[in-house]
Amino acid sequence: VTGLLKSGDYDSFALEDCFVGLAQAGCRLALLLDHVDHLLKYPP
């Protein structure tokens, strides 16, 4: 987690590597997004 924050690299490949690594460590991030329909107000 801190490694990703320090790198500042949030492209799809870096994110996928991070979450695959979490799964391999027997962990899973639970992301709770409230008012998710608000995302549709951003540019397409």
PDB file of all heavy atoms in Angstrom:
ATOM      1  N   VAL A   1       0.832  -1.202   0.000  1.00  0.00           N
ATOM      2  CA  VAL A   1       0.000   0.000   0.000  1.00  0.00           C
ATOM      3  C   VAL A   1       0.871   1.259   0.000  1.00  0.00           C
ATOM      4  O   VAL A   1       0.690   2.169  -0.816  1.00  0.00           O
ATOM      5  CB  VAL A   1      -0.955  -0.003   1.208  1.00  0.00           C
ATOM      6  CG1 VAL A   1      -1.646   1.341   1.367  1.00  0.00           C
ATOM      7  CG2 VAL A   1      -1.989  -1.112   1.056  1.00  0.00           C
ATOM      8  N   THR A   2       1.831   1.317   0.906  1.00  0.00           N
ATOM      9  CA  THR A   2       2.701   2.495   0.966  1.00  0.00           C
ATOM     10  C   THR A   2       3.597   2.571  -0.263  1.00  0.00           C
ATOM     11  O   THR A   2       3.930   3.661  -0.727  1.00  0.00           O
ATOM     12  CB  THR A   2       3.546   2.482   2.244  1.00  0.00           C
ATOM     13  OG1 THR A   2       4.302   1.253   2.324  1.00  0.00           O
ATOM     14  CG2 THR A   2       2.669   2.595   3.475  1.00  0.00           C
ATOM     15  N   GLY A   3       3.977   1.404  -0.799  1.00  0.00           N
ATOM     16  CA  GLY A   3       4.800   1.400  -2.011  1.00  0.00           C
ATOM     17  C   GLY A   3       4.073   2.023  -3.186  1.00  0.00           C
ATOM     18  O   GLY A   3       4.665   2.800  -3.969  1.00  0.00           O
ATOM     19  N   LEU A   4       2.795   1.709  -3.324  1.00  0.00           N
ATOM     20  CA  LEU A   4       2.011   2.290  -4.408  1.00  0.00           C
ATOM     21  C   LEU A   4       1.850   3.794  -4.218  1.00  0.00           C
ATOM     22  O   LEU A   4       1.950   4.574  -5.169  1.00  0.00           O
ATOM     23  CB  LEU A   4       0.643   1.613  -4.485  1.00  0.00           C
ATOM     24  CG  LEU A   4      -0.156   1.830  -5.768  1.00  0.00           C
ATOM     25  CD1 LEU A   4       0.553   1.219  -6.970  1.00  0.00           C
ATOM     26  CD2 LEU A   4      -1.554   1.238  -5.641  1.00  0.00           C
ATOM     27  N   LEU A   5       1.628   4.216  -2.982  1.00  0.00           N
ATOM     28  CA  LEU A   5       1.483   5.646  -2.705  1.00  0.00           C
ATOM     29  C   LEU A   5       2.777   6.399  -3.022  1.00  0.00           C
ATOM     30  O   LEU A   5       2.749   7.498  -3.588  1.00  0.00           O
ATOM     31  CB  LEU A   5       1.093   5.865  -1.244  1.00  0.00           C
ATOM     32  CG  LEU A   5      -0.364   5.578  -0.876  1.00  0.00           C
ATOM     33  CD1 LEU A   5      -0.542   5.574   0.638  1.00  0.00           C
ATOM     34  CD2 LEU A   5      -1.286   6.609  -1.502  1.00  0.00           C
ATOM     35  N   LYS A   6       3.908   5.810  -2.659  1.00  0.00           N
ATOM     36  CA  LYS A   6       5.188   6.479  -2.918  1.00  0.00           C
ATOM     37  C   LYS A   6       5.506   6.545  -4.408  1.00  0.00           C
ATOM     38  O   LYS A   6       6.065   7.527  -4.892  1.00  0.00           O
ATOM     39  CB  LYS A   6       6.311   5.754  -2.169  1.00  0.00           C
ATOM     40  CG  LYS A   6       6.278   5.957  -0.666  1.00  0.00           C
ATOM     41  CD  LYS A   6       7.407   5.194   0.023  1.00  0.00           C
ATOM     42  CE  LYS A   6       7.366   5.404   1.530  1.00  0.00           C
ATOM     43  NZ  LYS A   6       8.434   4.620   2.226  1.00  0.00           N
ATOM     44  N   SER A   7       5.133   5.515  -5.130  1.00  0.00           N
ATOM     45  CA  SER A   7       5.437   5.496  -6.572  1.00  0.00           C
ATOM     46  C   SER A   7       4.554   6.471  -7.339  1.00  0.00           C
ATOM     47  O   SER A   7       4.964   7.017  -8.362  1.00  0.00           O
ATOM     48  CB  SER A   7       5.244   4.087  -7.135  1.00  0.00           C
ATOM     49  OG  SER A   7       3.865   3.764  -7.247  1.00  0.00           O
ATOM     50  N   GLY A   8       3.331   6.678  -6.840  1.00  0.00           N
ATOM     51  CA  GLY A   8       2.396   7.548  -7.542  1.00  0.00           C
ATOM     52  C   GLY A   8       1.922   6.983  -8.866  1.00  0.00           C
ATOM     53  O   GLY A   8       1.374   7.708  -9.697  1.00  0.00           O
ATOM     54  N   ASP A   9       2.120   5.696  -9.055  1.00  0.00           N
ATOM     55  CA  ASP A   9       1.760   5.048 -10.325  1.00  0.00           C
ATOM     56  C   ASP A   9       0.435   4.322 -10.141  1.00  0.00           C
ATOM     57  O   ASP A   9       0.375   3.275  -9.493  1.00  0.00           O
ATOM     58  CB  ASP A   9       2.864   4.068 -10.723  1.00  0.00           C
ATOM     59  CG  ASP A   9       2.614   3.435 -12.091  1.00  0.00           C
ATOM     60  OD1 ASP A   9       1.613   3.803 -12.736  1.00  0.00           O
ATOM     61  OD2 ASP A   9       3.427   2.592 -12.512  1.00  0.00           O
ATOM     62  N   TYR A  10      -0.620   4.879 -10.731  1.00  0.00           N
ATOM     63  CA  TYR A  10      -1.948   4.294 -10.567  1.00  0.00           C
ATOM     64  C   TYR A  10      -2.550   3.882 -11.906  1.00  0.00           C
ATOM     65  O   TYR A  10      -3.768   3.903 -12.067  1.00  0.00           O
ATOM     66  CB  TYR A  10      -2.882   5.289  -9.863  1.00  0.00           C
ATOM     67  CG  TYR A  10      -2.397   5.706  -8.496  1.00  0.00           C
ATOM     68  CD1 TYR A  10      -1.766   6.932  -8.320  1.00  0.00           C
ATOM     69  CD2 TYR A  10      -2.539   4.868  -7.398  1.00  0.00           C
ATOM     70  CE1 TYR A  10      -1.303   7.323  -7.079  1.00  0.00           C
ATOM     71  CE2 TYR A  10      -2.072   5.241  -6.149  1.00  0.00           C
ATOM     72  CZ  TYR A  10      -1.455   6.471  -5.997  1.00  0.00           C
ATOM     73  OH  TYR A  10      -0.992   6.855  -4.764  1.00  0.00           O
ATOM     74  N   ASP A  11      -1.693   3.510 -12.853  1.00  0.00           N
ATOM     75  CA  ASP A  11      -2.267   3.035 -14.110  1.00  0.00           C
ATOM     76  C   ASP A  11      -2.825   1.624 -13.911  1.00  0.00           C
ATOM     77  O   ASP A  11      -2.638   0.995 -12.868  1.00  0.00           O
ATOM     78  CB  ASP A  11      -1.255   3.098 -15.260  1.00  0.00           C
ATOM     79  CG  ASP A  11      -0.096   2.118 -15.112  1.00  0.00           C
ATOM     80  OD1 ASP A  11      -0.209   1.123 -14.378  1.00  0.00           O
ATOM     81  OD2 ASP A  11       0.947   2.357 -15.748  1.00  0.00           O
ATOM     82  N   SER A  12      -3.533   1.136 -14.891  1.00  0.00           N
ATOM     83  CA  SER A  12      -4.242  -0.136 -14.747  1.00  0.00           C
ATOM     84  C   SER A  12      -3.309  -1.290 -14.419  1.00  0.00           C
ATOM     85  O   SER A  12      -3.654  -2.183 -13.629  1.00  0.00           O
ATOM     86  CB  SER A  12      -5.025  -0.445 -16.030  1.00  0.00           C
ATOM     87  OG  SER A  12      -6.013   0.530 -16.249  1.00  0.00           O
ATOM     88  N   PHE A  13      -2.105  -1.291 -14.994  1.00  0.00           N
ATOM     89  CA  PHE A  13      -1.174  -2.396 -14.766  1.00  0.00           C
ATOM     90  C   PHE A  13      -0.647  -2.381 -13.334  1.00  0.00           C
ATOM     91  O   PHE A  13      -0.561  -3.434 -12.684  1.00  0.00           O
ATOM     92  CB  PHE A  13      -0.015  -2.315 -15.756  1.00  0.00           C
ATOM     93  CG  PHE A  13      -0.437  -2.466 -17.190  1.00  0.00           C
ATOM     94  CD1 PHE A  13      -0.458  -1.373 -18.041  1.00  0.00           C
ATOM     95  CD2 PHE A  13      -0.838  -3.695 -17.694  1.00  0.00           C
ATOM     96  CE1 PHE A  13      -0.862  -1.509 -19.360  1.00  0.00           C
ATOM     97  CE2 PHE A  13      -1.243  -3.850 -19.010  1.00  0.00           C
ATOM     98  CZ  PHE A  13      -1.254  -2.739 -19.838  1.00  0.00           C
ATOM     99  N   ALA A  14      -0.303  -1.195 -12.824  1.00  0.00           N
ATOM    100  CA  ALA A  14       0.187  -1.097 -11.447  1.00  0.00           C
ATOM    101  C   ALA A  14      -0.893  -1.486 -10.448  1.00  0.00           C
ATOM    102  O   ALA A  14      -0.628  -2.196  -9.468  1.00  0.00           O
ATOM    103  CB  ALA A  14       0.688   0.320 -11.170  1.00  0.00           C
ATOM    104  N   LEU A  15      -2.124  -1.045 -10.692  1.00  0.00           N
ATOM    105  CA  LEU A  15      -3.227  -1.395  -9.809  1.00  0.00           C
ATOM    106  C   LEU A  15      -3.500  -2.899  -9.833  1.00  0.00           C
ATOM    107  O   LEU A  15      -3.721  -3.533  -8.794  1.00  0.00           O
ATOM    108  CB  LEU A  15      -4.487  -0.634 -10.209  1.00  0.00           C
ATOM    109  CG  LEU A  15      -4.471   0.874  -9.929  1.00  0.00           C
ATOM    110  CD1 LEU A  15      -5.623   1.558 -10.645  1.00  0.00           C
ATOM    111  CD2 LEU A  15      -4.549   1.140  -8.432  1.00  0.00           C
ATOM    112  N   GLU A  16      -3.470  -3.480 -11.037  1.00  0.00           N
ATOM    113  CA  GLU A  16      -3.714  -4.915 -11.136  1.00  0.00           C
ATOM    114  C   GLU A  16      -2.633  -5.701 -10.409  1.00  0.00           C
ATOM    115  O   GLU A  16      -2.924  -6.661  -9.683  1.00  0.00           O
ATOM    116  CB  GLU A  16      -3.791  -5.339 -12.600  1.00  0.00           C
ATOM    117  CG  GLU A  16      -4.175  -6.793 -12.763  1.00  0.00           C
ATOM    118  CD  GLU A  16      -4.797  -7.102 -14.114  1.00  0.00           C
ATOM    119  OE1 GLU A  16      -5.262  -6.172 -14.796  1.00  0.00           O
ATOM    120  OE2 GLU A  16      -4.814  -8.285 -14.467  1.00  0.00           O
ATOM    121  N   ASP A  17      -1.373  -5.300 -10.558  1.00  0.00           N
ATOM    122  CA  ASP A  17      -0.283  -5.971  -9.848  1.00  0.00           C
ATOM    123  C   ASP A  17      -0.490  -5.897  -8.335  1.00  0.00           C
ATOM    124  O   ASP A  17      -0.257  -6.871  -7.612  1.00  0.00           O
ATOM    125  CB  ASP A  17       1.065  -5.340 -10.207  1.00  0.00           C
ATOM    126  CG  ASP A  17       1.536  -5.735 -11.597  1.00  0.00           C
ATOM    127  OD1 ASP A  17       0.983  -6.696 -12.175  1.00  0.00           O
ATOM    128  OD2 ASP A  17       2.463  -5.078 -12.110  1.00  0.00           O
ATOM    129  N   CYS A  18      -0.920  -4.725  -7.858  1.00  0.00           N
ATOM    130  CA  CYS A  18      -1.127  -4.541  -6.417  1.00  0.00           C
ATOM    131  C   CYS A  18      -2.234  -5.450  -5.902  1.00  0.00           C
ATOM    132  O   CYS A  18      -2.061  -6.148  -4.903  1.00  0.00           O
ATOM    133  CB  CYS A  18      -1.455  -3.080  -6.129  1.00  0.00           C
ATOM    134  SG  CYS A  18      -1.752  -2.736  -4.374  1.00  0.00           S
ATOM    135  N   PHE A  19      -3.367  -5.486  -6.600  1.00  0.00           N
ATOM    136  CA  PHE A  19      -4.492  -6.294  -6.110  1.00  0.00           C
ATOM    137  C   PHE A  19      -4.236  -7.790  -6.275  1.00  0.00           C
ATOM    138  O   PHE A  19      -4.673  -8.589  -5.441  1.00  0.00           O
ATOM    139  CB  PHE A  19      -5.783  -5.876  -6.805  1.00  0.00           C
ATOM    140  CG  PHE A  19      -6.313  -4.547  -6.321  1.00  0.00           C
ATOM    141  CD1 PHE A  19      -6.445  -3.479  -7.184  1.00  0.00           C
ATOM    142  CD2 PHE A  19      -6.651  -4.377  -4.988  1.00  0.00           C
ATOM    143  CE1 PHE A  19      -6.925  -2.250  -6.739  1.00  0.00           C
ATOM    144  CE2 PHE A  19      -7.137  -3.158  -4.521  1.00  0.00           C
ATOM    145  CZ  PHE A  19      -7.271  -2.092  -5.402  1.00  0.00           C
ATOM    146  N   VAL A  20      -3.531  -8.175  -7.311  1.00  0.00           N
ATOM    147  CA  VAL A  20      -3.137  -9.578  -7.441  1.00  0.00           C
ATOM    148  C   VAL A  20      -2.218  -9.951  -6.278  1.00  0.00           C
ATOM    149  O   VAL A  20      -2.337 -11.040  -5.691  1.00  0.00           O
ATOM    150  CB  VAL A  20      -2.455  -9.836  -8.796  1.00  0.00           C
ATOM    151  CG1 VAL A  20      -1.769 -11.205  -8.805  1.00  0.00           C
ATOM    152  CG2 VAL A  20      -3.473  -9.757  -9.927  1.00  0.00           C
ATOM    153  N   GLY A  21      -1.301  -9.047  -5.925  1.00  0.00           N
ATOM    154  CA  GLY A  21      -0.418  -9.293  -4.790  1.00  0.00           C
ATOM    155  C   GLY A  21      -1.180  -9.442  -3.482  1.00  0.00           C
ATOM    156  O   GLY A  21      -0.840 -10.303  -2.652  1.00  0.00           O
ATOM    157  N   LEU A  22      -2.215  -8.626  -3.298  1.00  0.00           N
ATOM    158  CA  LEU A  22      -3.038  -8.763  -2.088  1.00  0.00           C
ATOM    159  C   LEU A  22      -3.698 -10.142  -2.044  1.00  0.00           C
ATOM    160  O   LEU A  22      -3.722 -10.799  -1.002  1.00  0.00           O
ATOM    161  CB  LEU A  22      -4.112  -7.681  -2.050  1.00  0.00           C
ATOM    162  CG  LEU A  22      -3.676  -6.223  -1.877  1.00  0.00           C
ATOM    163  CD1 LEU A  22      -4.894  -5.319  -1.742  1.00  0.00           C
ATOM    164  CD2 LEU A  22      -2.767  -6.060  -0.679  1.00  0.00           C
ATOM    165  N   ALA A  23      -4.233 -10.568  -3.192  1.00  0.00           N
ATOM    166  CA  ALA A  23      -4.885 -11.877  -3.239  1.00  0.00           C
ATOM    167  C   ALA A  23      -3.895 -12.995  -2.943  1.00  0.00           C
ATOM    168  O   ALA A  23      -4.216 -13.952  -2.224  1.00  0.00           O
ATOM    169  CB  ALA A  23      -5.533 -12.083  -4.605  1.00  0.00           C
ATOM    170  N   GLN A  24      -2.693 -12.893  -3.480  1.00  0.00           N
ATOM    171  CA  GLN A  24      -1.680 -13.923  -3.234  1.00  0.00           C
ATOM    172  C   GLN A  24      -1.264 -13.969  -1.767  1.00  0.00           C
ATOM    173  O   GLN A  24      -0.825 -15.006  -1.279  1.00  0.00           O
ATOM    174  CB  GLN A  24      -0.478 -13.672  -4.135  1.00  0.00           C
ATOM    175  CG  GLN A  24      -0.761 -13.923  -5.611  1.00  0.00           C
ATOM    176  CD  GLN A  24       0.383 -13.526  -6.516  1.00  0.00           C
ATOM    177  OE1 GLN A  24       1.304 -12.800  -6.101  1.00  0.00           O
ATOM    178  NE2 GLN A  24       0.350 -13.984  -7.758  1.00  0.00           N
ATOM    179  N   ALA A  25      -1.412 -12.831  -1.077  1.00  0.00           N
ATOM    180  CA  ALA A  25      -1.097 -12.782   0.360  1.00  0.00           C
ATOM    181  C   ALA A  25      -2.284 -13.217   1.219  1.00  0.00           C
ATOM    182  O   ALA A  25      -2.227 -13.149   2.447  1.00  0.00           O
ATOM    183  CB  ALA A  25      -0.669 -11.369   0.750  1.00  0.00           C
ATOM    184  N   GLY A  26      -3.365 -13.646   0.554  1.00  0.00           N
ATOM    185  CA  GLY A  26      -4.551 -14.092   1.283  1.00  0.00           C
ATOM    186  C   GLY A  26      -5.418 -12.956   1.785  1.00  0.00           C
ATOM    187  O   GLY A  26      -6.181 -13.139   2.745  1.00  0.00           O
ATOM    188  N   CYS A  27      -5.326 -11.796   1.122  1.00  0.00           N
ATOM    189  CA  CYS A  27      -6.072 -10.622   1.560  1.00  0.00           C
ATOM    190  C   CYS A  27      -6.925 -10.078   0.414  1.00  0.00           C
ATOM    191  O   CYS A  27      -6.734 -10.422  -0.754  1.00  0.00           O
ATOM    192  CB  CYS A  27      -5.119  -9.519   2.040  1.00  0.00           C
ATOM    193  SG  CYS A  27      -4.108 -10.009   3.451  1.00  0.00           S
ATOM    194  N   ARG A  28      -7.859  -9.240   0.770  1.00  0.00           N
ATOM    195  CA  ARG A  28      -8.737  -8.616  -0.217  1.00  0.00           C
ATOM    196  C   ARG A  28      -9.174  -7.262   0.330  1.00  0.00           C
ATOM    197  O   ARG A  28      -9.599  -7.170   1.480  1.00  0.00           O
ATOM    198  CB  ARG A  28      -9.958  -9.503  -0.463  1.00  0.00           C
ATOM    199  CG  ARG A  28     -10.931  -8.979  -1.502  1.00  0.00           C
ATOM    200  CD  ARG A  28     -12.171  -9.869  -1.591  1.00  0.00           C
ATOM    201  NE  ARG A  28     -11.869 -11.193  -2.116  1.00  0.00           N
ATOM    202  CZ  ARG A  28     -12.124 -12.332  -1.488  1.00  0.00           C
ATOM    203  NH1 ARG A  28     -12.691 -12.315  -0.294  1.00  0.00           N
ATOM    204  NH2 ARG A  28     -11.828 -13.487  -2.029  1.00  0.00           N
ATOM    205  N   LEU A  29      -9.039  -6.212  -0.467  1.00  0.00           N
ATOM    206  CA  LEU A  29      -9.528  -4.896  -0.054  1.00  0.00           C
ATOM    207  C   LEU A  29     -11.021  -4.805  -0.315  1.00  0.00           C
ATOM    208  O   LEU A  29     -11.483  -5.090  -1.424  1.00  0.00           O
ATOM    209  CB  LEU A  29      -8.799  -3.779  -0.814  1.00  0.00           C
ATOM    210  CG  LEU A  29      -9.370  -2.361  -0.634  1.00  0.00           C
ATOM    211  CD1 LEU A  29      -9.248  -1.911   0.821  1.00  0.00           C
ATOM    212  CD2 LEU A  29      -8.678  -1.369  -1.558  1.00  0.00           C
ATOM    213  N   ALA A  30     -11.777  -4.388   0.689  1.00  0.00           N
ATOM    214  CA  ALA A  30     -13.203  -4.126   0.529  1.00  0.00           C
ATOM    215  C   ALA A  30     -13.374  -2.618   0.380  1.00  0.00           C
ATOM    216  O   ALA A  30     -13.107  -1.856   1.314  1.00  0.00           O
ATOM    217  CB  ALA A  30     -13.977  -4.630   1.741  1.00  0.00           C
ATOM    218  N   LEU A  31     -13.780  -2.196  -0.794  1.00  0.00           N
ATOM    219  CA  LEU A  31     -13.960  -0.780  -1.086  1.00  0.00           C
ATOM    220  C   LEU A  31     -15.446  -0.458  -1.064  1.00  0.00           C
ATOM    221  O   LEU A  31     -16.227  -1.017  -1.844  1.00  0.00           O
ATOM    222  CB  LEU A  31     -13.350  -0.440  -2.447  1.00  0.00           C
ATOM    223  CG  LEU A  31     -13.459   1.007  -2.926  1.00  0.00           C
ATOM    224  CD1 LEU A  31     -12.852   1.968  -1.901  1.00  0.00           C
ATOM    225  CD2 LEU A  31     -12.766   1.162  -4.279  1.00  0.00           C
ATOM    226  N   LEU A  32     -15.847   0.429  -0.158  1.00  0.00           N
ATOM    227  CA  LEU A  32     -17.237   0.823   0.002  1.00  0.00           C
ATOM    228  C   LEU A  32     -17.406   2.220  -0.596  1.00  0.00           C
ATOM    229  O   LEU A  32     -16.825   3.183  -0.102  1.00  0.00           O
ATOM    230  CB  LEU A  32     -17.625   0.852   1.487  1.00  0.00           C
ATOM    231  CG  LEU A  32     -17.179  -0.330   2.356  1.00  0.00           C
ATOM    232  CD1 LEU A  32     -17.681  -0.146   3.788  1.00  0.00           C
ATOM    233  CD2 LEU A  32     -17.641  -1.649   1.778  1.00  0.00           C
ATOM    234  N   LEU A  33     -18.182   2.320  -1.655  1.00  0.00           N
ATOM    235  CA  LEU A  33     -18.378   3.592  -2.348  1.00  0.00           C
ATOM    236  C   LEU A  33     -19.823   4.052  -2.179  1.00  0.00           C
ATOM    237  O   LEU A  33     -20.742   3.439  -2.730  1.00  0.00           O
ATOM    238  CB  LEU A  33     -18.039   3.457  -3.831  1.00  0.00           C
ATOM    239  CG  LEU A  33     -16.585   3.148  -4.172  1.00  0.00           C
ATOM    240  CD1 LEU A  33     -16.410   3.069  -5.692  1.00  0.00           C
ATOM    241  CD2 LEU A  33     -15.653   4.196  -3.585  1.00  0.00           C
ATOM    242  N   ASP A  34     -20.005   5.104  -1.424  1.00  0.00           N
ATOM    243  CA  ASP A  34     -21.326   5.663  -1.184  1.00  0.00           C
ATOM    244  C   ASP A  34     -21.682   6.659  -2.289  1.00  0.00           C
ATOM    245  O   ASP A  34     -20.802   7.349  -2.812  1.00  0.00           O
ATOM    246  CB  ASP A  34     -21.335   6.365   0.171  1.00  0.00           C
ATOM    247  CG  ASP A  34     -22.709   6.410   0.807  1.00  0.00           C
ATOM    248  OD1 ASP A  34     -23.686   5.947   0.175  1.00  0.00           O
ATOM    249  OD2 ASP A  34     -22.798   6.890   1.961  1.00  0.00           O
ATOM    250  N   HIS A  35     -22.970   6.732  -2.652  1.00  0.00           N
ATOM    251  CA  HIS A  35     -23.442   7.647  -3.697  1.00  0.00           C
ATOM    252  C   HIS A  35     -22.659   7.442  -5.000  1.00  0.00           C
ATOM    253  O   HIS A  35     -22.233   8.396  -5.637  1.00  0.00           O
ATOM    254  CB  HIS A  35     -23.314   9.101  -3.234  1.00  0.00           C
ATOM    255  CG  HIS A  35     -24.027   9.396  -1.944  1.00  0.00           C
ATOM    256  ND1 HIS A  35     -25.399   9.436  -1.845  1.00  0.00           N
ATOM    257  CD2 HIS A  35     -23.544   9.631  -0.691  1.00  0.00           C
ATOM    258  CE1 HIS A  35     -25.734   9.711  -0.594  1.00  0.00           C
ATOM    259  NE2 HIS A  35     -24.640   9.820   0.129  1.00  0.00           N
ATOM    260  N   VAL A  36     -22.502   6.190  -5.394  1.00  0.00           N
ATOM    261  CA  VAL A  36     -21.658   5.898  -6.558  1.00  0.00           C
ATOM    262  C   VAL A  36     -22.254   6.476  -7.836  1.00  0.00           C
ATOM    263  O   VAL A  36     -21.513   6.751  -8.793  1.00  0.00           O
ATOM    264  CB  VAL A  36     -21.425   4.373  -6.682  1.00  0.00           C
ATOM    265  CG1 VAL A  36     -22.674   3.662  -7.178  1.00  0.00           C
ATOM    266  CG2 VAL A  36     -20.232   4.081  -7.588  1.00  0.00           C
ATOM    267  N   ASP A  37     -23.574   6.700  -7.882  1.00  0.00           N
ATOM    268  CA  ASP A  37     -24.158   7.283  -9.083  1.00  0.00           C
ATOM    269  C   ASP A  37     -23.680   8.712  -9.320  1.00  0.00           C
ATOM    270  O   ASP A  37     -23.830   9.247 -10.417  1.00  0.00           O
ATOM    271  CB  ASP A  37     -25.686   7.218  -9.061  1.00  0.00           C
ATOM    272  CG  ASP A  37     -26.307   7.301  -7.689  1.00  0.00           C
ATOM    273  OD1 ASP A  37     -25.565   7.486  -6.701  1.00  0.00           O
ATOM    274  OD2 ASP A  37     -27.532   7.188  -7.599  1.00  0.00           O
ATOM    275  N   HIS A  38     -23.067   9.322  -8.298  1.00  0.00           N
ATOM    276  CA  HIS A  38     -22.494  10.660  -8.476  1.00  0.00           C
ATOM    277  C   HIS A  38     -21.342  10.638  -9.487  1.00  0.00           C
ATOM    278  O   HIS A  38     -21.041  11.674 -10.106  1.00  0.00           O
ATOM    279  CB  HIS A  38     -21.995  11.195  -7.128  1.00  0.00           C
ATOM    280  CG  HIS A  38     -21.510  12.606  -7.169  1.00  0.00           C
ATOM    281  ND1 HIS A  38     -22.370  13.697  -7.230  1.00  0.00           N
ATOM    282  CD2 HIS A  38     -20.256  13.123  -7.187  1.00  0.00           C
ATOM    283  CE1 HIS A  38     -21.661  14.810  -7.264  1.00  0.00           C
ATOM    284  NE2 HIS A  38     -20.384  14.495  -7.238  1.00  0.00           N
ATOM    285  N   LEU A  39     -20.694   9.487  -9.660  1.00  0.00           N
ATOM    286  CA  LEU A  39     -19.590   9.396 -10.632  1.00  0.00           C
ATOM    287  C   LEU A  39     -20.057   9.721 -12.043  1.00  0.00           C
ATOM    288  O   LEU A  39     -19.256  10.142 -12.886  1.00  0.00           O
ATOM    289  CB  LEU A  39     -18.967   7.996 -10.599  1.00  0.00           C
ATOM    290  CG  LEU A  39     -18.275   7.578  -9.297  1.00  0.00           C
ATOM    291  CD1 LEU A  39     -17.704   6.170  -9.439  1.00  0.00           C
ATOM    292  CD2 LEU A  39     -17.169   8.561  -8.918  1.00  0.00           C
ATOM    293  N   LEU A  40     -21.350   9.537 -12.323  1.00  0.00           N
ATOM    294  CA  LEU A  40     -21.866   9.801 -13.658  1.00  0.00           C
ATOM    295  C   LEU A  40     -21.940  11.287 -13.957  1.00  0.00           C
ATOM    296  O   LEU A  40     -22.170  11.682 -15.118  1.00  0.00           O
ATOM    297  CB  LEU A  40     -23.248   9.168 -13.827  1.00  0.00           C
ATOM    298  CG  LEU A  40     -23.323   7.662 -13.587  1.00  0.00           C
ATOM    299  CD1 LEU A  40     -24.721   7.152 -13.873  1.00  0.00           C
ATOM    300  CD2 LEU A  40     -22.296   6.931 -14.430  1.00  0.00           C
ATOM    301  N   LYS A  41     -21.711  12.133 -12.955  1.00  0.00           N
ATOM    302  CA  LYS A  41     -21.721  13.571 -13.170  1.00  0.00           C
ATOM    303  C   LYS A  41     -20.367  14.088 -13.663  1.00  0.00           C
ATOM    304  O   LYS A  41     -20.252  15.258 -14.034  1.00  0.00           O
ATOM    305  CB  LYS A  41     -22.129  14.293 -11.881  1.00  0.00           C
ATOM    306  CG  LYS A  41     -23.549  13.969 -11.433  1.00  0.00           C
ATOM    307  CD  LYS A  41     -23.960  14.772 -10.220  1.00  0.00           C
ATOM    308  CE  LYS A  41     -25.405  14.465  -9.830  1.00  0.00           C
ATOM    309  NZ  LYS A  41     -25.854  15.262  -8.662  1.00  0.00           N
ATOM    310  N   TYR A  42     -19.363  13.231 -13.631  1.00  0.00           N
ATOM    311  CA  TYR A  42     -18.050  13.630 -14.137  1.00  0.00           C
ATOM    312  C   TYR A  42     -18.022  13.520 -15.662  1.00  0.00           C
ATOM    313  O   TYR A  42     -18.897  12.875 -16.261  1.00  0.00           O
ATOM    314  CB  TYR A  42     -16.965  12.757 -13.511  1.00  0.00           C
ATOM    315  CG  TYR A  42     -16.705  13.091 -12.059  1.00  0.00           C
ATOM    316  CD1 TYR A  42     -17.250  12.325 -11.034  1.00  0.00           C
ATOM    317  CD2 TYR A  42     -15.935  14.193 -11.718  1.00  0.00           C
ATOM    318  CE1 TYR A  42     -17.024  12.647  -9.698  1.00  0.00           C
ATOM    319  CE2 TYR A  42     -15.695  14.519 -10.385  1.00  0.00           C
ATOM    320  CZ  TYR A  42     -16.245  13.749  -9.388  1.00  0.00           C
ATOM    321  OH  TYR A  42     -16.021  14.075  -8.067  1.00  0.00           O
ATOM    322  N   PRO A  43     -17.023  14.128 -16.303  1.00  0.00           N
ATOM    323  CA  PRO A  43     -16.919  14.001 -17.757  1.00  0.00           C
ATOM    324  C   PRO A  43     -16.892  12.536 -18.178  1.00  0.00           C
ATOM    325  O   PRO A  43     -16.378  11.673 -17.442  1.00  0.00           O
ATOM    326  CB  PRO A  43     -15.587  14.704 -18.072  1.00  0.00           C
ATOM    327  CG  PRO A  43     -15.401  15.689 -16.960  1.00  0.00           C
ATOM    328  CD  PRO A  43     -15.978  15.013 -15.742  1.00  0.00           C
ATOM    329  N   PRO A  44     -17.447  12.207 -19.344  1.00  0.00           N
ATOM    330  CA  PRO A  44     -17.531  10.800 -19.774  1.00  0.00           C
ATOM    331  C   PRO A  44     -16.201  10.063 -19.724  1.00  0.00           C
ATOM    332  O   PRO A  44     -16.171   8.889 -19.330  1.00  0.00           O
ATOM    333  CB  PRO A  44     -18.061  10.914 -21.208  1.00  0.00           C
ATOM    334  CG  PRO A  44     -18.864  12.166 -21.209  1.00  0.00           C
ATOM    335  CD  PRO A  44     -18.136  13.115 -20.299  1.00  0.00           C
TER     336      PRO A  44
END
